[in-house]
Amino acid sequence: ILPGAAGPVNLFVKLYPMNDLANQTGVLTGEVTNLLNGHGRFTFNYQGEMLAGEATRVSNDERRGMASAYGTRGTSARCEYQMSTARMGAGTCTFSNGAQYQFHVGN
């Protein structure tokens, strides 16, 4: 929970390629909307397909979380991350096609 936040907080995310398959797309950008209840909405565009899902903090650890997203053409992504502050964090994402990305949350 972000002190003083009255409503949902939007955090920008960047996904940096980690393998040859991911290098084909370059850096991806998206957004996590923190709903201030341990959950959030996770959205980004991947090769013209909008992926949407949720981000959830792991129980008993308010810094660690998982995010999953799914697109209309069947592409999915699964991410694990750790927050260093309420607005910044990092982790990794693995896509259903094998692409892997370094996941950064925050500005």
PDB file of N, CA and C in Angstrom:
ATOM      1  N   ILE A   1       0.857  -1.187   0.000  1.00  0.00           N
ATOM      2  CA  ILE A   1       0.000   0.000   0.000  1.00  0.00           C
ATOM      3  C   ILE A   1       0.889   1.231   0.000  1.00  0.00           C
ATOM      4  N   LEU A   2       0.545   2.180  -0.840  1.00  0.00           N
ATOM      5  CA  LEU A   2       1.320   3.400  -0.942  1.00  0.00           C
ATOM      6  C   LEU A   2       0.755   4.446   0.014  1.00  0.00           C
ATOM      7  N   PRO A   3       1.569   4.941   0.940  1.00  0.00           N
ATOM      8  CA  PRO A   3       1.088   5.949   1.884  1.00  0.00           C
ATOM      9  C   PRO A   3       0.540   7.177   1.163  1.00  0.00           C
ATOM     10  N   GLY A   4      -0.618   7.634   1.574  1.00  0.00           N
ATOM     11  CA  GLY A   4      -1.201   8.843   1.022  1.00  0.00           C
ATOM     12  C   GLY A   4      -1.891   8.658  -0.316  1.00  0.00           C
ATOM     13  N   ALA A   5      -1.873   7.460  -0.864  1.00  0.00           N
ATOM     14  CA  ALA A   5      -2.513   7.227  -2.163  1.00  0.00           C
ATOM     15  C   ALA A   5      -4.018   7.067  -1.962  1.00  0.00           C
ATOM     16  N   ALA A   6      -4.799   7.852  -2.681  1.00  0.00           N
ATOM     17  CA  ALA A   6      -6.253   7.840  -2.528  1.00  0.00           C
ATOM     18  C   ALA A   6      -6.917   6.806  -3.438  1.00  0.00           C
ATOM     19  N   GLY A   7      -6.274   6.475  -4.523  1.00  0.00           N
ATOM     20  CA  GLY A   7      -6.866   5.542  -5.476  1.00  0.00           C
ATOM     21  C   GLY A   7      -5.786   4.748  -6.171  1.00  0.00           C
ATOM     22  N   PRO A   8      -6.145   3.980  -7.179  1.00  0.00           N
ATOM     23  CA  PRO A   8      -5.167   3.168  -7.910  1.00  0.00           C
ATOM     24  C   PRO A   8      -3.986   4.007  -8.417  1.00  0.00           C
ATOM     25  N   VAL A   9      -2.813   3.377  -8.438  1.00  0.00           N
ATOM     26  CA  VAL A   9      -1.584   4.039  -8.866  1.00  0.00           C
ATOM     27  C   VAL A   9      -1.054   3.326 -10.104  1.00  0.00           C
ATOM     28  N   ASN A  10      -0.776   4.071 -11.174  1.00  0.00           N
ATOM     29  CA  ASN A  10      -0.222   3.505 -12.405  1.00  0.00           C
ATOM     30  C   ASN A  10       1.298   3.510 -12.344  1.00  0.00           C
ATOM     31  N   LEU A  11       1.892   2.349 -12.595  1.00  0.00           N
ATOM     32  CA  LEU A  11       3.342   2.211 -12.634  1.00  0.00           C
ATOM     33  C   LEU A  11       3.732   1.705 -14.019  1.00  0.00           C
ATOM     34  N   PHE A  12       4.705   2.350 -14.640  1.00  0.00           N
ATOM     35  CA  PHE A  12       5.168   1.928 -15.952  1.00  0.00           C
ATOM     36  C   PHE A  12       6.106   0.737 -15.810  1.00  0.00           C
ATOM     37  N   VAL A  13       6.078  -0.168 -16.782  1.00  0.00           N
ATOM     38  CA  VAL A  13       6.972  -1.314 -16.799  1.00  0.00           C
ATOM     39  C   VAL A  13       7.720  -1.356 -18.130  1.00  0.00           C
ATOM     40  N   LYS A  14       8.944  -1.863 -18.082  1.00  0.00           N
ATOM     41  CA  LYS A  14       9.736  -2.110 -19.285  1.00  0.00           C
ATOM     42  C   LYS A  14      10.230  -3.536 -19.223  1.00  0.00           C
ATOM     43  N   LEU A  15      10.191  -4.193 -20.354  1.00  0.00           N
ATOM     44  CA  LEU A  15      10.678  -5.556 -20.468  1.00  0.00           C
ATOM     45  C   LEU A  15      11.847  -5.546 -21.446  1.00  0.00           C
ATOM     46  N   TYR A  16      13.046  -5.898 -20.942  1.00  0.00           N
ATOM     47  CA  TYR A  16      14.263  -5.892 -21.746  1.00  0.00           C
ATOM     48  C   TYR A  16      14.601  -7.317 -22.187  1.00  0.00           C
ATOM     49  N   PRO A  17      14.898  -7.517 -23.472  1.00  0.00           N
ATOM     50  CA  PRO A  17      15.179  -8.868 -23.995  1.00  0.00           C
ATOM     51  C   PRO A  17      16.350  -9.544 -23.286  1.00  0.00           C
ATOM     52  N   MET A  18      16.186 -10.869 -23.038  1.00  0.00           N
ATOM     53  CA  MET A  18      17.243 -11.662 -22.398  1.00  0.00           C
ATOM     54  C   MET A  18      17.703 -12.844 -23.255  1.00  0.00           C
ATOM     55  N   ASN A  19      16.988 -13.136 -24.359  1.00  0.00           N
ATOM     56  CA  ASN A  19      17.428 -14.233 -25.225  1.00  0.00           C
ATOM     57  C   ASN A  19      17.186 -13.845 -26.687  1.00  0.00           C
ATOM     58  N   ASP A  20      17.635 -14.688 -27.604  1.00  0.00           N
ATOM     59  CA  ASP A  20      17.545 -14.368 -29.036  1.00  0.00           C
ATOM     60  C   ASP A  20      16.112 -14.142 -29.494  1.00  0.00           C
ATOM     61  N   LEU A  21      15.191 -14.934 -28.992  1.00  0.00           N
ATOM     62  CA  LEU A  21      13.793 -14.785 -29.387  1.00  0.00           C
ATOM     63  C   LEU A  21      13.248 -13.421 -28.947  1.00  0.00           C
ATOM     64  N   ALA A  22      13.570 -13.011 -27.747  1.00  0.00           N
ATOM     65  CA  ALA A  22      13.124 -11.706 -27.248  1.00  0.00           C
ATOM     66  C   ALA A  22      13.814 -10.562 -27.992  1.00  0.00           C
ATOM     67  N   ASN A  23      15.038 -10.774 -28.433  1.00  0.00           N
ATOM     68  CA  ASN A  23      15.759  -9.734 -29.175  1.00  0.00           C
ATOM     69  C   ASN A  23      15.018  -9.318 -30.438  1.00  0.00           C
ATOM     70  N   GLN A  24      14.184 -10.196 -30.988  1.00  0.00           N
ATOM     71  CA  GLN A  24      13.443  -9.894 -32.205  1.00  0.00           C
ATOM     72  C   GLN A  24      12.423  -8.770 -31.992  1.00  0.00           C
ATOM     73  N   THR A  25      11.956  -8.576 -30.765  1.00  0.00           N
ATOM     74  CA  THR A  25      10.959  -7.530 -30.496  1.00  0.00           C
ATOM     75  C   THR A  25      11.569  -6.277 -29.898  1.00  0.00           C
ATOM     76  N   GLY A  26      12.754  -6.393 -29.302  1.00  0.00           N
ATOM     77  CA  GLY A  26      13.344  -5.252 -28.614  1.00  0.00           C
ATOM     78  C   GLY A  26      12.653  -5.018 -27.273  1.00  0.00           C
ATOM     79  N   VAL A  27      12.799  -3.816 -26.750  1.00  0.00           N
ATOM     80  CA  VAL A  27      12.241  -3.463 -25.445  1.00  0.00           C
ATOM     81  C   VAL A  27      10.724  -3.295 -25.559  1.00  0.00           C
ATOM     82  N   LEU A  28       9.993  -3.889 -24.626  1.00  0.00           N
ATOM     83  CA  LEU A  28       8.545  -3.742 -24.553  1.00  0.00           C
ATOM     84  C   LEU A  28       8.192  -2.796 -23.413  1.00  0.00           C
ATOM     85  N   THR A  29       7.094  -2.065 -23.553  1.00  0.00           N
ATOM     86  CA  THR A  29       6.640  -1.199 -22.476  1.00  0.00           C
ATOM     87  C   THR A  29       5.193  -1.540 -22.134  1.00  0.00           C
ATOM     88  N   GLY A  30       4.825  -1.295 -20.900  1.00  0.00           N
ATOM     89  CA  GLY A  30       3.465  -1.569 -20.455  1.00  0.00           C
ATOM     90  C   GLY A  30       3.168  -0.828 -19.170  1.00  0.00           C
ATOM     91  N   GLU A  31       2.176  -1.333 -18.472  1.00  0.00           N
ATOM     92  CA  GLU A  31       1.722  -0.642 -17.276  1.00  0.00           C
ATOM     93  C   GLU A  31       1.137  -1.631 -16.277  1.00  0.00           C
ATOM     94  N   VAL A  32       1.397  -1.376 -15.006  1.00  0.00           N
ATOM     95  CA  VAL A  32       0.728  -2.071 -13.912  1.00  0.00           C
ATOM     96  C   VAL A  32      -0.068  -1.022 -13.161  1.00  0.00           C
ATOM     97  N   THR A  33      -1.349  -1.276 -12.979  1.00  0.00           N
ATOM     98  CA  THR A  33      -2.191  -0.400 -12.173  1.00  0.00           C
ATOM     99  C   THR A  33      -2.342  -1.054 -10.815  1.00  0.00           C
ATOM    100  N   ASN A  34      -1.690  -0.466  -9.800  1.00  0.00           N
ATOM    101  CA  ASN A  34      -1.737  -0.984  -8.435  1.00  0.00           C
ATOM    102  C   ASN A  34      -3.077  -0.588  -7.822  1.00  0.00           C
ATOM    103  N   LEU A  35      -3.897  -1.582  -7.477  1.00  0.00           N
ATOM    104  CA  LEU A  35      -5.225  -1.318  -6.915  1.00  0.00           C
ATOM    105  C   LEU A  35      -5.185  -1.117  -5.400  1.00  0.00           C
ATOM    106  N   LEU A  36      -3.978  -1.130  -4.832  1.00  0.00           N
ATOM    107  CA  LEU A  36      -3.737  -0.845  -3.414  1.00  0.00           C
ATOM    108  C   LEU A  36      -4.353  -1.877  -2.475  1.00  0.00           C
ATOM    109  N   ASN A  37      -4.548  -3.100  -2.978  1.00  0.00           N
ATOM    110  CA  ASN A  37      -5.084  -4.163  -2.130  1.00  0.00           C
ATOM    111  C   ASN A  37      -4.303  -5.466  -2.316  1.00  0.00           C
ATOM    112  N   GLY A  38      -3.054  -5.351  -2.806  1.00  0.00           N
ATOM    113  CA  GLY A  38      -2.246  -6.532  -3.062  1.00  0.00           C
ATOM    114  C   GLY A  38      -2.405  -7.080  -4.469  1.00  0.00           C
ATOM    115  N   HIS A  39      -3.278  -6.461  -5.256  1.00  0.00           N
ATOM    116  CA  HIS A  39      -3.529  -6.882  -6.631  1.00  0.00           C
ATOM    117  C   HIS A  39      -3.400  -5.688  -7.568  1.00  0.00           C
ATOM    118  N   GLY A  40      -3.197  -5.983  -8.839  1.00  0.00           N
ATOM    119  CA  GLY A  40      -3.140  -4.936  -9.839  1.00  0.00           C
ATOM    120  C   GLY A  40      -3.462  -5.484 -11.207  1.00  0.00           C
ATOM    121  N   ARG A  41      -3.668  -4.580 -12.145  1.00  0.00           N
ATOM    122  CA  ARG A  41      -3.888  -4.944 -13.546  1.00  0.00           C
ATOM    123  C   ARG A  41      -2.571  -4.762 -14.296  1.00  0.00           C
ATOM    124  N   PHE A  42      -2.245  -5.714 -15.176  1.00  0.00           N
ATOM    125  CA  PHE A  42      -0.988  -5.745 -15.909  1.00  0.00           C
ATOM    126  C   PHE A  42      -1.319  -5.766 -17.394  1.00  0.00           C
ATOM    127  N   THR A  43      -0.858  -4.764 -18.173  1.00  0.00           N
ATOM    128  CA  THR A  43      -1.140  -4.706 -19.606  1.00  0.00           C
ATOM    129  C   THR A  43       0.097  -4.266 -20.388  1.00  0.00           C
ATOM    130  N   PHE A  44       0.262  -4.835 -21.591  1.00  0.00           N
ATOM    131  CA  PHE A  44       1.313  -4.404 -22.507  1.00  0.00           C
ATOM    132  C   PHE A  44       1.043  -4.991 -23.885  1.00  0.00           C
ATOM    133  N   ASN A  45       1.715  -4.428 -24.878  1.00  0.00           N
ATOM    134  CA  ASN A  45       1.556  -4.864 -26.254  1.00  0.00           C
ATOM    135  C   ASN A  45       2.754  -5.724 -26.636  1.00  0.00           C
ATOM    136  N   TYR A  46       2.479  -6.889 -27.253  1.00  0.00           N
ATOM    137  CA  TYR A  46       3.533  -7.792 -27.702  1.00  0.00           C
ATOM    138  C   TYR A  46       3.264  -8.180 -29.148  1.00  0.00           C
ATOM    139  N   GLN A  47       4.069  -7.694 -30.055  1.00  0.00           N
ATOM    140  CA  GLN A  47       3.961  -7.995 -31.484  1.00  0.00           C
ATOM    141  C   GLN A  47       2.541  -7.753 -32.008  1.00  0.00           C
ATOM    142  N   GLY A  48       1.954  -6.627 -31.638  1.00  0.00           N
ATOM    143  CA  GLY A  48       0.635  -6.244 -32.110  1.00  0.00           C
ATOM    144  C   GLY A  48      -0.521  -6.889 -31.359  1.00  0.00           C
ATOM    145  N   GLU A  49      -0.230  -7.653 -30.331  1.00  0.00           N
ATOM    146  CA  GLU A  49      -1.262  -8.332 -29.531  1.00  0.00           C
ATOM    147  C   GLU A  49      -1.284  -7.717 -28.129  1.00  0.00           C
ATOM    148  N   MET A  50      -2.445  -7.249 -27.690  1.00  0.00           N
ATOM    149  CA  MET A  50      -2.558  -6.689 -26.353  1.00  0.00           C
ATOM    150  C   MET A  50      -2.692  -7.821 -25.344  1.00  0.00           C
ATOM    151  N   LEU A  51      -1.748  -7.877 -24.410  1.00  0.00           N
ATOM    152  CA  LEU A  51      -1.815  -8.854 -23.329  1.00  0.00           C
ATOM    153  C   LEU A  51      -2.303  -8.151 -22.077  1.00  0.00           C
ATOM    154  N   ALA A  52      -3.204  -8.797 -21.356  1.00  0.00           N
ATOM    155  CA  ALA A  52      -3.755  -8.214 -20.131  1.00  0.00           C
ATOM    156  C   ALA A  52      -3.880  -9.304 -19.090  1.00  0.00           C
ATOM    157  N   GLY A  53      -3.710  -8.913 -17.847  1.00  0.00           N
ATOM    158  CA  GLY A  53      -3.818  -9.872 -16.758  1.00  0.00           C
ATOM    159  C   GLY A  53      -3.735  -9.172 -15.428  1.00  0.00           C
ATOM    160  N   GLU A  54      -3.142  -9.870 -14.462  1.00  0.00           N
ATOM    161  CA  GLU A  54      -3.069  -9.283 -13.137  1.00  0.00           C
ATOM    162  C   GLU A  54      -1.705  -9.496 -12.507  1.00  0.00           C
ATOM    163  N   ALA A  55      -1.407  -8.643 -11.571  1.00  0.00           N
ATOM    164  CA  ALA A  55      -0.206  -8.750 -10.749  1.00  0.00           C
ATOM    165  C   ALA A  55      -0.685  -8.942  -9.316  1.00  0.00           C
ATOM    166  N   THR A  56      -0.054  -9.860  -8.598  1.00  0.00           N
ATOM    167  CA  THR A  56      -0.469 -10.174  -7.241  1.00  0.00           C
ATOM    168  C   THR A  56       0.755 -10.307  -6.357  1.00  0.00           C
ATOM    169  N   ARG A  57       0.712  -9.714  -5.197  1.00  0.00           N
ATOM    170  CA  ARG A  57       1.794  -9.872  -4.234  1.00  0.00           C
ATOM    171  C   ARG A  57       1.712 -11.267  -3.622  1.00  0.00           C
ATOM    172  N   VAL A  58       2.870 -11.863  -3.370  1.00  0.00           N
ATOM    173  CA  VAL A  58       2.936 -13.181  -2.755  1.00  0.00           C
ATOM    174  C   VAL A  58       2.567 -13.038  -1.283  1.00  0.00           C
ATOM    175  N   SER A  59       1.713 -13.947  -0.775  1.00  0.00           N
ATOM    176  CA  SER A  59       1.298 -13.856   0.630  1.00  0.00           C
ATOM    177  C   SER A  59       2.510 -13.953   1.550  1.00  0.00           C
ATOM    178  N   ASN A  60       2.448 -13.240   2.632  1.00  0.00           N
ATOM    179  CA  ASN A  60       3.504 -13.180   3.649  1.00  0.00           C
ATOM    180  C   ASN A  60       4.784 -12.502   3.166  1.00  0.00           C
ATOM    181  N   ASP A  61       4.752 -11.836   2.021  1.00  0.00           N
ATOM    182  CA  ASP A  61       5.926 -11.108   1.533  1.00  0.00           C
ATOM    183  C   ASP A  61       5.449  -9.962   0.645  1.00  0.00           C
ATOM    184  N   GLU A  62       5.317  -8.778   1.211  1.00  0.00           N
ATOM    185  CA  GLU A  62       4.745  -7.668   0.445  1.00  0.00           C
ATOM    186  C   GLU A  62       5.680  -7.117  -0.627  1.00  0.00           C
ATOM    187  N   ARG A  63       6.911  -7.575  -0.700  1.00  0.00           N
ATOM    188  CA  ARG A  63       7.839  -7.118  -1.738  1.00  0.00           C
ATOM    189  C   ARG A  63       7.824  -8.011  -2.980  1.00  0.00           C
ATOM    190  N   ARG A  64       7.530  -9.294  -2.828  1.00  0.00           N
ATOM    191  CA  ARG A  64       7.558 -10.226  -3.962  1.00  0.00           C
ATOM    192  C   ARG A  64       6.185 -10.361  -4.599  1.00  0.00           C
ATOM    193  N   GLY A  65       6.184 -10.593  -5.910  1.00  0.00           N
ATOM    194  CA  GLY A  65       4.907 -10.762  -6.593  1.00  0.00           C
ATOM    195  C   GLY A  65       5.035 -11.566  -7.864  1.00  0.00           C
ATOM    196  N   MET A  66       3.877 -11.873  -8.425  1.00  0.00           N
ATOM    197  CA  MET A  66       3.782 -12.569  -9.701  1.00  0.00           C
ATOM    198  C   MET A  66       2.802 -11.808 -10.579  1.00  0.00           C
ATOM    199  N   ALA A  67       3.075 -11.799 -11.867  1.00  0.00           N
ATOM    200  CA  ALA A  67       2.167 -11.160 -12.820  1.00  0.00           C
ATOM    201  C   ALA A  67       1.968 -12.119 -13.986  1.00  0.00           C
ATOM    202  N   SER A  68       0.737 -12.204 -14.438  1.00  0.00           N
ATOM    203  CA  SER A  68       0.407 -13.048 -15.586  1.00  0.00           C
ATOM    204  C   SER A  68      -0.446 -12.246 -16.547  1.00  0.00           C
ATOM    205  N   ALA A  69      -0.235 -12.476 -17.834  1.00  0.00           N
ATOM    206  CA  ALA A  69      -1.037 -11.782 -18.846  1.00  0.00           C
ATOM    207  C   ALA A  69      -1.302 -12.737 -19.993  1.00  0.00           C
ATOM    208  N   TYR A  70      -2.424 -12.512 -20.678  1.00  0.00           N
ATOM    209  CA  TYR A  70      -2.857 -13.372 -21.768  1.00  0.00           C
ATOM    210  C   TYR A  70      -3.417 -12.506 -22.883  1.00  0.00           C
ATOM    211  N   GLY A  71      -3.148 -12.890 -24.132  1.00  0.00           N
ATOM    212  CA  GLY A  71      -3.629 -12.127 -25.273  1.00  0.00           C
ATOM    213  C   GLY A  71      -4.695 -12.856 -26.056  1.00  0.00           C
ATOM    214  N   THR A  72      -5.359 -12.129 -26.926  1.00  0.00           N
ATOM    215  CA  THR A  72      -6.470 -12.677 -27.711  1.00  0.00           C
ATOM    216  C   THR A  72      -6.023 -13.708 -28.740  1.00  0.00           C
ATOM    217  N   ARG A  73      -4.720 -13.701 -29.093  1.00  0.00           N
ATOM    218  CA  ARG A  73      -4.202 -14.694 -30.046  1.00  0.00           C
ATOM    219  C   ARG A  73      -3.555 -15.886 -29.341  1.00  0.00           C
ATOM    220  N   GLY A  74      -3.682 -15.931 -28.008  1.00  0.00           N
ATOM    221  CA  GLY A  74      -3.178 -17.079 -27.257  1.00  0.00           C
ATOM    222  C   GLY A  74      -1.803 -16.930 -26.645  1.00  0.00           C
ATOM    223  N   THR A  75      -1.161 -15.802 -26.833  1.00  0.00           N
ATOM    224  CA  THR A  75       0.150 -15.582 -26.218  1.00  0.00           C
ATOM    225  C   THR A  75      -0.049 -15.322 -24.728  1.00  0.00           C
ATOM    226  N   SER A  76       0.842 -15.891 -23.919  1.00  0.00           N
ATOM    227  CA  SER A  76       0.780 -15.624 -22.483  1.00  0.00           C
ATOM    228  C   SER A  76       2.170 -15.290 -21.964  1.00  0.00           C
ATOM    229  N   ALA A  77       2.190 -14.598 -20.831  1.00  0.00           N
ATOM    230  CA  ALA A  77       3.445 -14.228 -20.169  1.00  0.00           C
ATOM    231  C   ALA A  77       3.283 -14.458 -18.682  1.00  0.00           C
ATOM    232  N   ARG A  78       4.344 -14.936 -18.049  1.00  0.00           N
ATOM    233  CA  ARG A  78       4.368 -15.149 -16.605  1.00  0.00           C
ATOM    234  C   ARG A  78       5.606 -14.461 -16.063  1.00  0.00           C
ATOM    235  N   CYS A  79       5.411 -13.579 -15.082  1.00  0.00           N
ATOM    236  CA  CYS A  79       6.512 -12.797 -14.538  1.00  0.00           C
ATOM    237  C   CYS A  79       6.604 -12.980 -13.025  1.00  0.00           C
ATOM    238  N   GLU A  80       7.813 -12.955 -12.520  1.00  0.00           N
ATOM    239  CA  GLU A  80       8.062 -12.920 -11.081  1.00  0.00           C
ATOM    240  C   GLU A  80       8.898 -11.687 -10.827  1.00  0.00           C
ATOM    241  N   TYR A  81       8.588 -10.975  -9.748  1.00  0.00           N
ATOM    242  CA  TYR A  81       9.299  -9.732  -9.475  1.00  0.00           C
ATOM    243  C   TYR A  81       9.454  -9.500  -7.975  1.00  0.00           C
ATOM    244  N   GLN A  82      10.347  -8.587  -7.641  1.00  0.00           N
ATOM    245  CA  GLN A  82      10.529  -8.154  -6.264  1.00  0.00           C
ATOM    246  C   GLN A  82      10.600  -6.640  -6.269  1.00  0.00           C
ATOM    247  N   MET A  83       9.820  -6.015  -5.408  1.00  0.00           N
ATOM    248  CA  MET A  83       9.797  -4.560  -5.298  1.00  0.00           C
ATOM    249  C   MET A  83      10.891  -4.107  -4.339  1.00  0.00           C
ATOM    250  N   SER A  84      11.673  -3.087  -4.744  1.00  0.00           N
ATOM    251  CA  SER A  84      12.686  -2.516  -3.853  1.00  0.00           C
ATOM    252  C   SER A  84      12.099  -1.350  -3.067  1.00  0.00           C
ATOM    253  N   THR A  85      11.111  -0.672  -3.662  1.00  0.00           N
ATOM    254  CA  THR A  85      10.346   0.374  -2.976  1.00  0.00           C
ATOM    255  C   THR A  85       8.890   0.174  -3.389  1.00  0.00           C
ATOM    256  N   ALA A  86       7.998   1.013  -2.897  1.00  0.00           N
ATOM    257  CA  ALA A  86       6.583   0.895  -3.262  1.00  0.00           C
ATOM    258  C   ALA A  86       6.350   1.158  -4.747  1.00  0.00           C
ATOM    259  N   ARG A  87       7.294   1.843  -5.409  1.00  0.00           N
ATOM    260  CA  ARG A  87       7.110   2.221  -6.810  1.00  0.00           C
ATOM    261  C   ARG A  87       8.182   1.695  -7.756  1.00  0.00           C
ATOM    262  N   MET A  88       9.101   0.865  -7.275  1.00  0.00           N
ATOM    263  CA  MET A  88      10.170   0.346  -8.131  1.00  0.00           C
ATOM    264  C   MET A  88      10.456  -1.117  -7.813  1.00  0.00           C
ATOM    265  N   GLY A  89      10.728  -1.886  -8.870  1.00  0.00           N
ATOM    266  CA  GLY A  89      11.065  -3.284  -8.673  1.00  0.00           C
ATOM    267  C   GLY A  89      11.614  -3.896  -9.949  1.00  0.00           C
ATOM    268  N   ALA A  90      11.997  -5.179  -9.861  1.00  0.00           N
ATOM    269  CA  ALA A  90      12.556  -5.871 -11.015  1.00  0.00           C
ATOM    270  C   ALA A  90      12.300  -7.365 -10.895  1.00  0.00           C
ATOM    271  N   GLY A  91      12.385  -8.047 -12.031  1.00  0.00           N
ATOM    272  CA  GLY A  91      12.195  -9.485 -12.065  1.00  0.00           C
ATOM    273  C   GLY A  91      12.387 -10.007 -13.470  1.00  0.00           C
ATOM    274  N   THR A  92      11.782 -11.151 -13.766  1.00  0.00           N
ATOM    275  CA  THR A  92      11.903 -11.765 -15.083  1.00  0.00           C
ATOM    276  C   THR A  92      10.534 -12.204 -15.586  1.00  0.00           C
ATOM    277  N   CYS A  93      10.394 -12.251 -16.903  1.00  0.00           N
ATOM    278  CA  CYS A  93       9.162 -12.719 -17.547  1.00  0.00           C
ATOM    279  C   CYS A  93       9.516 -13.791 -18.574  1.00  0.00           C
ATOM    280  N   THR A  94       8.706 -14.830 -18.621  1.00  0.00           N
ATOM    281  CA  THR A  94       8.842 -15.874 -19.620  1.00  0.00           C
ATOM    282  C   THR A  94       7.542 -15.946 -20.412  1.00  0.00           C
ATOM    283  N   PHE A  95       7.665 -15.913 -21.726  1.00  0.00           N
ATOM    284  CA  PHE A  95       6.507 -15.943 -22.612  1.00  0.00           C
ATOM    285  C   PHE A  95       6.239 -17.365 -23.090  1.00  0.00           C
ATOM    286  N   SER A  96       5.007 -17.617 -23.523  1.00  0.00           N
ATOM    287  CA  SER A  96       4.611 -18.946 -23.982  1.00  0.00           C
ATOM    288  C   SER A  96       5.413 -19.417 -25.193  1.00  0.00           C
ATOM    289  N   ASN A  97       6.002 -18.490 -25.945  1.00  0.00           N
ATOM    290  CA  ASN A  97       6.808 -18.875 -27.112  1.00  0.00           C
ATOM    291  C   ASN A  97       8.291 -19.060 -26.771  1.00  0.00           C
ATOM    292  N   GLY A  98       8.659 -18.891 -25.482  1.00  0.00           N
ATOM    293  CA  GLY A  98      10.040 -19.075 -25.051  1.00  0.00           C
ATOM    294  C   GLY A  98      10.830 -17.796 -24.901  1.00  0.00           C
ATOM    295  N   ALA A  99      10.285 -16.659 -25.326  1.00  0.00           N
ATOM    296  CA  ALA A  99      10.984 -15.381 -25.159  1.00  0.00           C
ATOM    297  C   ALA A  99      11.119 -15.071 -23.667  1.00  0.00           C
ATOM    298  N   GLN A 100      12.292 -14.530 -23.287  1.00  0.00           N
ATOM    299  CA  GLN A 100      12.535 -14.173 -21.887  1.00  0.00           C
ATOM    300  C   GLN A 100      12.966 -12.717 -21.801  1.00  0.00           C
ATOM    301  N   TYR A 101      12.444 -12.034 -20.784  1.00  0.00           N
ATOM    302  CA  TYR A 101      12.693 -10.615 -20.597  1.00  0.00           C
ATOM    303  C   TYR A 101      13.041 -10.304 -19.150  1.00  0.00           C
ATOM    304  N   GLN A 102      13.870  -9.278 -18.971  1.00  0.00           N
ATOM    305  CA  GLN A 102      14.104  -8.680 -17.657  1.00  0.00           C
ATOM    306  C   GLN A 102      12.978  -7.675 -17.457  1.00  0.00           C
ATOM    307  N   PHE A 103      12.297  -7.729 -16.322  1.00  0.00           N
ATOM    308  CA  PHE A 103      11.088  -6.953 -16.030  1.00  0.00           C
ATOM    309  C   PHE A 103      11.426  -5.850 -15.034  1.00  0.00           C
ATOM    310  N   HIS A 104      11.199  -4.594 -15.406  1.00  0.00           N
ATOM    311  CA  HIS A 104      11.463  -3.457 -14.518  1.00  0.00           C
ATOM    312  C   HIS A 104      10.171  -2.682 -14.283  1.00  0.00           C
ATOM    313  N   VAL A 105       9.861  -2.423 -13.030  1.00  0.00           N
ATOM    314  CA  VAL A 105       8.671  -1.678 -12.636  1.00  0.00           C
ATOM    315  C   VAL A 105       9.111  -0.314 -12.116  1.00  0.00           C
ATOM    316  N   GLY A 106       8.448   0.754 -12.538  1.00  0.00           N
ATOM    317  CA  GLY A 106       8.738   2.094 -12.032  1.00  0.00           C
ATOM    318  C   GLY A 106       9.376   2.974 -13.077  1.00  0.00           C
ATOM    319  N   ASN A 107       9.432   4.258 -12.752  1.00  0.00           N
ATOM    320  CA  ASN A 107       9.957   5.254 -13.699  1.00  0.00           C
ATOM    321  C   ASN A 107      11.443   5.379 -13.593  1.00  0.00           C
TER     322      ASN A 107
END
